[in-house]
Amino acid sequence: MTDLRIGVIGYGMRGTIARTAHRPSGGAVVAAVADPDPRAREAAAAAFPGALVTTDHRKVIEAPDLDAVLVLTPDHTHADLACAALLAGKPAFVEKPLDITVERCDEILQTARETGTRLYVGHNMRHMPVVRMMRDLIGRGAIGTVKTVWVRHFVGYGGDWYFKDWHAERQYTTGLLLQKAAHDIDVLHWLSGGYTRDVQAMGDLMVYGDNPHRRAPGEPKTEDWYTEDGHWPPHTQRALNPVIDIEDVSLLNMRLDNGVLASYQQCHFTPDYWRNYTVIGDAGRLENFGDGPGGQVKVWNSRRSEYRAEPDETYDIPKPEDDQGHAGADPLIIDEFLRFVRDGGVTDTSPVAARMAVAAGYQATASLRAGGTPREVPPLDPELVAYFERGQRAEAD
């Protein structure tokens, strides 16, 4: 099998995806990287010997010898770059979220349909063992029909990852109810079998907004901007982004189009970092305790009772074969993307679902900033939905 030649646009924090995709003699090689940051270009040159390294993304998109493109840039740039790649006939992997507004997401999907170029969105949590385990349990009827889902997201490293660079600014993210929650909204939709129709949200900038220790505009992040053990408690954070106008805690209520009621809570100043899903059906309840290897999914479904710590069923979250990136999800999502580039077909990730996650997060943010006023999530053009459900084929077989 000849290696696919991959171009990369953006080699920052999600450069890990590019390194995962680089498999010389194993299916793919990174042959070109574009990034405006000289430090990123230096790192890319070291990681991919012989690759073209440039400041100009157009040299990647227009390169005739590349088979596909990874768009790993800040969120607000996704639509422009993805559409350019699709128009150039390059299958595109677009890191989540698809973009930061509903309109720009729809533009990407429409461009993919009009060009017939394959579009893939990096919602890697669909490949996380804990998520697949919960979905399998629901699929085989362990809790009956899903009726309500509660998600709590404890973001222990929030101050490091989201308040020291462009993530802290609305103009680049809309807000963390879109940027960060897009993962969990997508998973919630996948577990529930529906998409959000109505949202209502509240939130605030409770901790990082009062921290006066900001970098000067244009000043780069410090070398120790992230450490595994340091920067705790949150008020000890230093060198935050010059502008912080997003919320660090938020609460979201949702009604899905299939009647499921759901809630999502996100906090960026907790001491721990993990996600807790509670899924309740009409014949039981499941909940994850930990979201990686060593954690468990527990099911209560045999009888009514008072509180009981011991469930009716316990399932250990397995350790993946390749434990790199998001509990092994990153290698699996790249496996799927490379197969999709070669052969097409249906994938576990979904551009439609990616758009619906952004739409829910976007409207939730609008609700939050309007005092909690309920908002409707705009539906997607049914013809676009049908196109992607067919595996991005022009006509049904």
Protein backbone atom coordinates (compact mmCIF):
# COMPACT_ATOMS: atom_id res chain seq x y z
CA MET A 1 0.00 0.00 0.00
CA THR A 2 1.43 3.34 -1.07
CA ASP A 3 1.56 5.93 1.69
CA LEU A 4 -0.92 8.78 1.40
CA ARG A 5 0.85 12.14 1.33
CA ILE A 6 -0.69 14.43 3.94
CA GLY A 7 -0.48 18.21 4.20
CA VAL A 8 -0.89 19.92 7.57
CA ILE A 9 -2.14 23.45 8.16
CA GLY A 10 -1.37 24.54 11.71
CA TYR A 11 1.18 22.84 13.94
CA GLY A 12 0.23 24.00 17.43
CA MET A 13 -1.30 22.03 20.30
CA ARG A 14 -3.12 19.67 17.95
CA GLY A 15 0.07 18.97 16.09
CA THR A 16 -0.25 15.66 17.93
CA ILE A 17 -2.78 14.66 15.26
CA ALA A 18 -0.19 15.28 12.54
CA ARG A 19 2.39 13.20 14.38
CA THR A 20 -0.15 10.42 14.78
CA ALA A 21 -0.88 10.52 11.05
CA HIS A 22 2.80 10.31 10.13
CA ARG A 23 3.32 6.59 9.50
CA PRO A 24 6.07 6.11 6.93
CA SER A 25 5.53 2.77 5.17
CA GLY A 26 2.46 2.37 7.36
CA GLY A 27 -0.15 4.19 5.30
CA ALA A 28 0.63 7.90 5.41
CA VAL A 29 3.41 10.46 5.60
CA VAL A 30 3.23 14.13 6.48
CA ALA A 31 4.77 15.75 3.41
CA ALA A 32 4.02 19.43 3.99
CA VAL A 33 3.30 21.72 6.97
CA ALA A 34 2.24 25.37 7.02
CA ASP A 35 2.34 27.54 10.14
CA PRO A 36 3.10 31.26 10.63
CA ASP A 37 4.94 30.64 13.93
CA PRO A 38 8.69 30.08 13.46
CA ARG A 39 8.82 27.86 16.55
CA ALA A 40 6.10 25.65 15.11
CA ARG A 41 7.91 25.43 11.78
CA GLU A 42 11.14 24.46 13.53
CA ALA A 43 9.32 21.71 15.43
CA ALA A 44 7.64 20.49 12.25
CA ALA A 45 10.92 20.30 10.37
CA ALA A 46 12.32 18.14 13.16
CA ALA A 47 9.25 15.91 13.33
CA PHE A 48 8.89 15.36 9.57
CA PRO A 49 12.31 15.21 7.89
CA GLY A 50 12.10 16.07 4.22
CA ALA A 51 8.67 17.66 4.42
CA LEU A 52 7.93 21.05 2.90
CA VAL A 53 7.68 23.54 5.79
CA THR A 54 6.24 26.94 4.94
CA THR A 55 4.43 29.99 6.27
CA ASP A 56 1.91 29.90 3.41
CA HIS A 57 -1.08 27.57 3.75
CA ARG A 58 -1.79 27.98 0.03
CA LYS A 59 1.37 26.06 -0.81
CA VAL A 60 -0.10 23.10 1.08
CA ILE A 61 -3.61 23.36 -0.33
CA GLU A 62 -2.41 23.83 -3.91
CA ALA A 63 0.36 21.21 -3.84
CA PRO A 64 -0.46 18.71 -6.63
CA ASP A 65 1.29 15.79 -4.92
CA LEU A 66 -0.74 15.82 -1.67
CA ASP A 67 -3.65 13.42 -1.15
CA ALA A 68 -5.36 15.06 1.85
CA VAL A 69 -5.10 17.98 4.28
CA LEU A 70 -5.34 18.23 8.07
CA VAL A 71 -6.77 21.58 9.25
CA LEU A 72 -5.44 22.01 12.80
CA THR A 73 -5.60 25.78 13.13
CA PRO A 74 -7.52 28.03 15.59
CA ASP A 75 -11.26 27.51 15.37
CA HIS A 76 -12.24 30.76 13.67
CA THR A 77 -10.06 29.89 10.64
CA HIS A 78 -11.57 26.48 9.96
CA ALA A 79 -14.21 27.50 7.42
CA ASP A 80 -11.87 29.48 5.17
CA LEU A 81 -9.19 26.78 5.17
CA ALA A 82 -11.53 23.81 4.90
CA CYS A 83 -13.44 25.35 2.01
CA ALA A 84 -10.20 26.19 0.21
CA ALA A 85 -9.01 22.60 0.59
CA LEU A 86 -12.34 21.17 -0.57
CA LEU A 87 -12.41 23.49 -3.58
CA ALA A 88 -8.91 22.32 -4.45
CA GLY A 89 -10.11 18.72 -4.40
CA LYS A 90 -8.22 17.80 -1.22
CA PRO A 91 -10.07 15.56 1.28
CA ALA A 92 -10.03 17.52 4.52
CA PHE A 93 -9.76 16.55 8.17
CA VAL A 94 -11.06 19.52 10.17
CA GLU A 95 -10.32 19.59 13.89
CA LYS A 96 -13.34 20.14 16.13
CA PRO A 97 -15.26 22.34 16.50
CA LEU A 98 -16.13 22.57 12.82
CA ASP A 99 -16.14 26.37 13.13
CA ILE A 100 -17.42 28.99 15.59
CA THR A 101 -20.74 29.97 13.94
CA VAL A 102 -23.61 27.99 12.47
CA GLU A 103 -23.42 29.85 9.17
CA ARG A 104 -19.76 29.02 8.61
CA CYS A 105 -20.34 25.37 9.46
CA ASP A 106 -23.12 25.25 6.88
CA GLU A 107 -20.79 26.85 4.35
CA ILE A 108 -18.26 24.03 4.87
CA LEU A 109 -20.90 21.33 4.47
CA GLN A 110 -22.35 22.98 1.38
CA THR A 111 -18.89 23.30 -0.18
CA ALA A 112 -18.22 19.62 0.46
CA ARG A 113 -21.45 18.69 -1.25
CA GLU A 114 -20.94 21.00 -4.23
CA THR A 115 -17.38 19.84 -4.85
CA GLY A 116 -17.88 16.19 -3.95
CA THR A 117 -14.63 16.35 -1.96
CA ARG A 118 -14.55 14.25 1.19
CA LEU A 119 -14.98 16.04 4.52
CA TYR A 120 -14.09 14.57 7.91
CA VAL A 121 -14.39 16.24 11.33
CA GLY A 122 -12.12 15.35 14.25
CA HIS A 123 -14.65 14.49 16.94
CA ASN A 124 -12.30 11.95 18.46
CA MET A 125 -14.39 11.26 21.56
CA ARG A 126 -16.56 8.96 19.45
CA HIS A 127 -13.55 6.63 19.50
CA MET A 128 -12.87 6.86 23.24
CA PRO A 129 -13.38 3.47 24.93
CA VAL A 130 -15.62 4.90 27.64
CA VAL A 131 -17.96 6.49 25.10
CA ARG A 132 -18.13 3.40 22.92
CA MET A 133 -18.79 1.25 25.99
CA MET A 134 -21.70 3.44 27.08
CA ARG A 135 -23.12 3.48 23.57
CA ASP A 136 -22.86 -0.32 23.31
CA LEU A 137 -24.66 -0.75 26.64
CA ILE A 138 -27.43 1.58 25.53
CA GLY A 139 -27.66 -0.16 22.16
CA ARG A 140 -28.21 -3.55 23.73
CA GLY A 141 -30.96 -2.25 26.00
CA ALA A 142 -29.16 -2.19 29.36
CA ILE A 143 -31.19 0.82 30.54
CA GLY A 144 -34.14 0.71 28.17
CA THR A 145 -34.89 3.77 26.04
CA VAL A 146 -32.81 6.85 26.87
CA LYS A 147 -34.92 9.60 28.39
CA THR A 148 -32.47 12.01 30.04
CA VAL A 149 -28.69 12.62 30.13
CA TRP A 150 -26.66 14.64 32.63
CA VAL A 151 -23.06 15.59 31.87
CA ARG A 152 -20.59 17.17 34.30
CA HIS A 153 -17.28 18.34 32.86
CA PHE A 154 -14.52 19.08 35.34
CA VAL A 155 -11.75 20.96 33.53
CA GLY A 156 -8.86 20.91 35.97
CA TYR A 157 -6.37 22.41 33.50
CA GLY A 158 -8.75 25.07 32.24
CA GLY A 159 -6.62 27.98 33.40
CA ASP A 160 -3.62 26.67 31.47
CA TRP A 161 -5.30 25.51 28.29
CA TYR A 162 -8.10 28.03 27.74
CA PHE A 163 -7.18 31.30 29.44
CA LYS A 164 -3.61 31.85 28.24
CA ASP A 165 -4.10 32.18 24.48
CA TRP A 166 -6.70 32.78 21.75
CA HIS A 167 -9.19 30.41 23.42
CA ALA A 168 -9.94 33.18 25.95
CA GLU A 169 -11.41 35.53 23.35
CA ARG A 170 -14.93 35.44 21.94
CA GLN A 171 -13.79 36.56 18.52
CA TYR A 172 -11.81 33.32 18.12
CA THR A 173 -14.07 30.80 19.87
CA THR A 174 -17.53 32.30 20.47
CA GLY A 175 -17.15 30.75 23.94
CA LEU A 176 -16.31 27.54 25.75
CA LEU A 177 -19.92 26.34 25.55
CA LEU A 178 -19.06 25.93 21.89
CA GLN A 179 -15.29 25.38 21.82
CA LYS A 180 -14.95 22.93 24.70
CA ALA A 181 -18.50 21.61 24.98
CA ALA A 182 -18.71 20.65 21.29
CA HIS A 183 -17.08 17.34 22.28
CA ASP A 184 -19.65 16.52 24.94
CA ILE A 185 -22.67 17.81 23.06
CA ASP A 186 -21.69 15.55 20.17
CA VAL A 187 -21.32 12.57 22.50
CA LEU A 188 -24.61 13.40 24.22
CA HIS A 189 -26.33 13.48 20.82
CA TRP A 190 -24.71 10.15 19.86
CA LEU A 191 -25.78 8.42 23.07
CA SER A 192 -29.29 9.86 22.89
CA GLY A 193 -30.00 9.29 19.21
CA GLY A 194 -31.14 12.86 18.57
CA TYR A 195 -30.03 16.45 18.11
CA THR A 196 -30.65 19.45 20.34
CA ARG A 197 -33.68 21.52 19.39
CA ASP A 198 -34.00 23.98 22.30
CA VAL A 199 -31.38 25.39 24.69
CA GLN A 200 -31.26 27.54 27.79
CA ALA A 201 -27.99 28.42 29.51
CA MET A 202 -26.41 30.45 32.28
CA GLY A 203 -22.77 31.13 33.07
CA ASP A 204 -20.20 33.61 34.27
CA LEU A 205 -16.53 34.56 34.35
CA MET A 206 -16.05 33.86 38.05
CA VAL A 207 -12.34 33.23 38.62
CA TYR A 208 -10.01 34.16 35.76
CA GLY A 209 -11.63 37.49 35.05
CA ASP A 210 -10.46 38.86 38.42
CA ASN A 211 -6.86 37.73 37.91
CA PRO A 212 -4.80 40.84 37.06
CA HIS A 213 -1.71 38.90 35.97
CA ARG A 214 -2.02 39.25 32.20
CA ARG A 215 0.62 39.24 29.48
CA ALA A 216 1.07 42.37 27.44
CA PRO A 217 -0.58 42.33 23.99
CA GLY A 218 1.70 40.50 21.57
CA GLU A 219 3.79 38.95 24.34
CA PRO A 220 4.17 35.17 23.82
CA LYS A 221 3.13 32.59 26.38
CA THR A 222 5.72 31.77 29.02
CA GLU A 223 7.72 28.55 28.78
CA ASP A 224 5.94 27.15 31.85
CA TRP A 225 2.44 28.10 30.67
CA TYR A 226 1.36 24.52 31.36
CA THR A 227 2.71 22.14 33.98
CA GLU A 228 1.29 18.85 35.20
CA ASP A 229 1.45 19.71 38.90
CA GLY A 230 1.80 23.48 39.13
CA HIS A 231 -0.50 26.48 38.80
CA TRP A 232 -2.82 25.46 41.63
CA PRO A 233 -5.00 26.87 43.07
CA PRO A 234 -6.41 28.92 40.19
CA HIS A 235 -5.65 32.33 41.71
CA THR A 236 -1.93 31.52 41.45
CA GLN A 237 -2.10 31.52 37.65
CA ARG A 238 0.17 34.04 35.95
CA ALA A 239 0.68 35.35 32.41
CA LEU A 240 -2.93 34.93 31.37
CA ASN A 241 -4.14 36.13 27.98
CA PRO A 242 -4.36 39.95 27.65
CA VAL A 243 -8.06 39.65 26.78
CA ILE A 244 -10.42 37.31 28.63
CA ASP A 245 -14.07 37.73 27.69
CA ILE A 246 -15.40 34.17 27.84
CA GLU A 247 -17.07 32.35 30.71
CA ASP A 248 -15.19 29.92 32.99
CA VAL A 249 -18.30 28.19 34.35
CA SER A 250 -21.55 27.39 32.53
CA LEU A 251 -24.79 25.45 32.89
CA LEU A 252 -26.80 24.29 29.88
CA ASN A 253 -30.26 22.70 29.56
CA MET A 254 -31.31 21.03 26.31
CA ARG A 255 -34.39 19.45 24.74
CA LEU A 256 -33.57 17.12 21.86
CA ASP A 257 -35.68 16.53 18.78
CA ASN A 258 -36.58 13.03 20.03
CA GLY A 259 -37.85 14.35 23.38
CA VAL A 260 -34.76 13.55 25.44
CA LEU A 261 -33.99 16.15 28.11
CA ALA A 262 -30.32 16.78 28.86
CA SER A 263 -28.03 19.00 30.88
CA TYR A 264 -24.36 19.91 30.63
CA GLN A 265 -22.20 21.64 33.23
CA GLN A 266 -18.66 22.88 32.66
CA CYS A 267 -16.18 24.34 35.17
CA HIS A 268 -12.61 25.46 34.45
CA PHE A 269 -11.34 25.87 38.01
CA THR A 270 -11.84 22.40 39.47
CA PRO A 271 -8.92 20.41 40.92
CA ASP A 272 -9.71 17.33 38.78
CA TYR A 273 -10.02 16.80 35.04
CA TRP A 274 -12.56 14.30 33.74
CA ARG A 275 -16.09 13.92 32.39
CA ASN A 276 -19.01 12.26 34.14
CA TYR A 277 -21.99 11.04 32.11
CA THR A 278 -25.23 9.87 33.74
CA VAL A 279 -27.65 8.34 31.26
CA ILE A 280 -31.13 7.40 32.48
CA GLY A 281 -33.52 5.27 30.48
CA ASP A 282 -36.98 3.95 31.21
CA ALA A 283 -35.47 0.71 32.57
CA GLY A 284 -32.24 1.71 34.29
CA ARG A 285 -29.33 4.09 34.70
CA LEU A 286 -25.65 4.03 33.76
CA GLU A 287 -22.82 6.25 34.88
CA ASN A 288 -19.07 6.40 34.29
CA PHE A 289 -16.62 6.78 37.15
CA GLY A 290 -13.43 7.96 35.48
CA ASP A 291 -13.25 8.31 31.72
CA GLY A 292 -10.07 6.39 30.89
CA PRO A 293 -8.31 3.12 31.65
CA GLY A 294 -8.81 2.23 35.31
CA GLY A 295 -12.28 3.77 35.35
CA GLN A 296 -15.60 1.93 35.23
CA VAL A 297 -19.08 2.20 33.78
CA LYS A 298 -21.73 1.07 36.25
CA VAL A 299 -25.32 0.09 35.53
CA TRP A 300 -28.29 0.00 37.92
CA ASN A 301 -31.25 -1.76 36.31
CA SER A 302 -32.60 -4.64 38.42
CA ARG A 303 -34.83 -3.01 41.04
CA ARG A 304 -35.68 0.09 43.01
CA SER A 305 -33.75 0.81 46.18
CA GLU A 306 -32.29 3.42 48.46
CA TYR A 307 -28.74 4.51 47.71
CA ARG A 308 -26.53 1.54 46.95
CA ALA A 309 -22.93 1.90 45.93
CA GLU A 310 -22.82 -1.54 44.34
CA PRO A 311 -24.43 -1.54 40.88
CA ASP A 312 -26.07 -4.44 39.10
CA GLU A 313 -23.40 -4.48 36.41
CA THR A 314 -19.84 -3.12 36.33
CA TYR A 315 -17.66 -2.77 33.25
CA ASP A 316 -13.98 -1.84 33.34
CA ILE A 317 -12.97 0.79 30.80
CA PRO A 318 -10.36 -0.99 28.69
CA LYS A 319 -6.90 0.22 27.89
CA PRO A 320 -6.63 0.74 24.13
CA GLU A 321 -3.97 -0.95 22.05
CA ASP A 322 -2.42 2.44 21.28
CA ASP A 323 -2.78 4.64 24.36
CA GLN A 324 -1.68 7.87 22.67
CA GLY A 325 -3.98 10.87 22.59
CA HIS A 326 -7.37 11.08 24.32
CA ALA A 327 -7.28 7.55 25.80
CA GLY A 328 -6.32 6.05 22.45
CA ALA A 329 -8.96 7.91 20.43
CA ASP A 330 -6.52 9.92 18.29
CA PRO A 331 -4.89 6.91 16.58
CA LEU A 332 -8.32 5.42 15.91
CA ILE A 333 -9.72 8.60 14.41
CA ILE A 334 -6.70 8.87 12.12
CA ASP A 335 -7.20 5.22 11.13
CA GLU A 336 -10.76 6.08 10.16
CA PHE A 337 -9.78 9.24 8.31
CA LEU A 338 -7.11 7.50 6.23
CA ARG A 339 -9.55 4.72 5.34
CA PHE A 340 -12.13 7.35 4.41
CA VAL A 341 -9.66 9.18 2.16
CA ARG A 342 -8.82 5.94 0.35
CA ASP A 343 -12.21 4.25 0.17
CA GLY A 344 -14.94 6.68 1.22
CA GLY A 345 -18.03 5.30 2.91
CA VAL A 346 -19.79 5.96 6.21
CA THR A 347 -17.74 6.94 9.27
CA ASP A 348 -18.45 6.97 12.99
CA THR A 349 -17.79 10.70 13.04
CA SER A 350 -20.31 12.87 11.21
CA PRO A 351 -20.07 16.34 9.62
CA VAL A 352 -23.80 16.76 10.27
CA ALA A 353 -23.35 15.87 13.94
CA ALA A 354 -20.37 18.23 14.12
CA ARG A 355 -22.51 21.04 12.76
CA MET A 356 -25.33 20.26 15.19
CA ALA A 357 -22.92 20.32 18.14
CA VAL A 358 -21.70 23.77 17.08
CA ALA A 359 -25.27 24.96 16.53
CA ALA A 360 -26.29 23.87 20.03
CA GLY A 361 -23.19 25.45 21.58
CA TYR A 362 -23.60 28.66 19.61
CA GLN A 363 -27.24 29.11 20.59
CA ALA A 364 -26.47 28.13 24.18
CA THR A 365 -23.84 30.88 24.33
CA ALA A 366 -26.35 33.35 22.93
CA SER A 367 -28.82 32.27 25.62
CA LEU A 368 -26.22 32.61 28.37
CA ARG A 369 -25.30 36.14 27.29
CA ALA A 370 -28.96 37.16 27.06
CA GLY A 371 -29.73 36.32 30.67
CA GLY A 372 -30.74 32.71 30.08
CA THR A 373 -33.36 33.38 27.43
CA PRO A 374 -34.31 30.11 25.65
CA ARG A 375 -33.13 29.71 22.07
CA GLU A 376 -34.03 27.38 19.22
CA VAL A 377 -31.30 25.53 17.36
CA PRO A 378 -31.65 26.06 13.58
CA PRO A 379 -32.11 22.82 11.63
CA LEU A 380 -29.79 21.84 8.78
CA ASP A 381 -30.92 21.70 5.16
CA PRO A 382 -32.45 18.20 4.74
CA GLU A 383 -30.66 17.73 1.41
CA LEU A 384 -27.33 18.25 3.13
CA VAL A 385 -28.31 15.79 5.86
CA ALA A 386 -29.20 13.20 3.24
CA TYR A 387 -25.94 13.73 1.36
CA PHE A 388 -23.80 13.05 4.39
CA GLU A 389 -25.95 10.16 5.58
CA ARG A 390 -25.25 8.51 2.19
CA GLY A 391 -21.54 8.63 2.95
CA GLN A 392 -21.06 11.79 0.85
CA ARG A 393 -22.32 10.25 -2.37
CA ALA A 394 -24.21 12.42 -4.83
CA GLU A 395 -27.13 10.01 -5.20
CA ALA A 396 -28.53 7.17 -3.16
CA ASP A 397 -27.74 3.70 -4.43
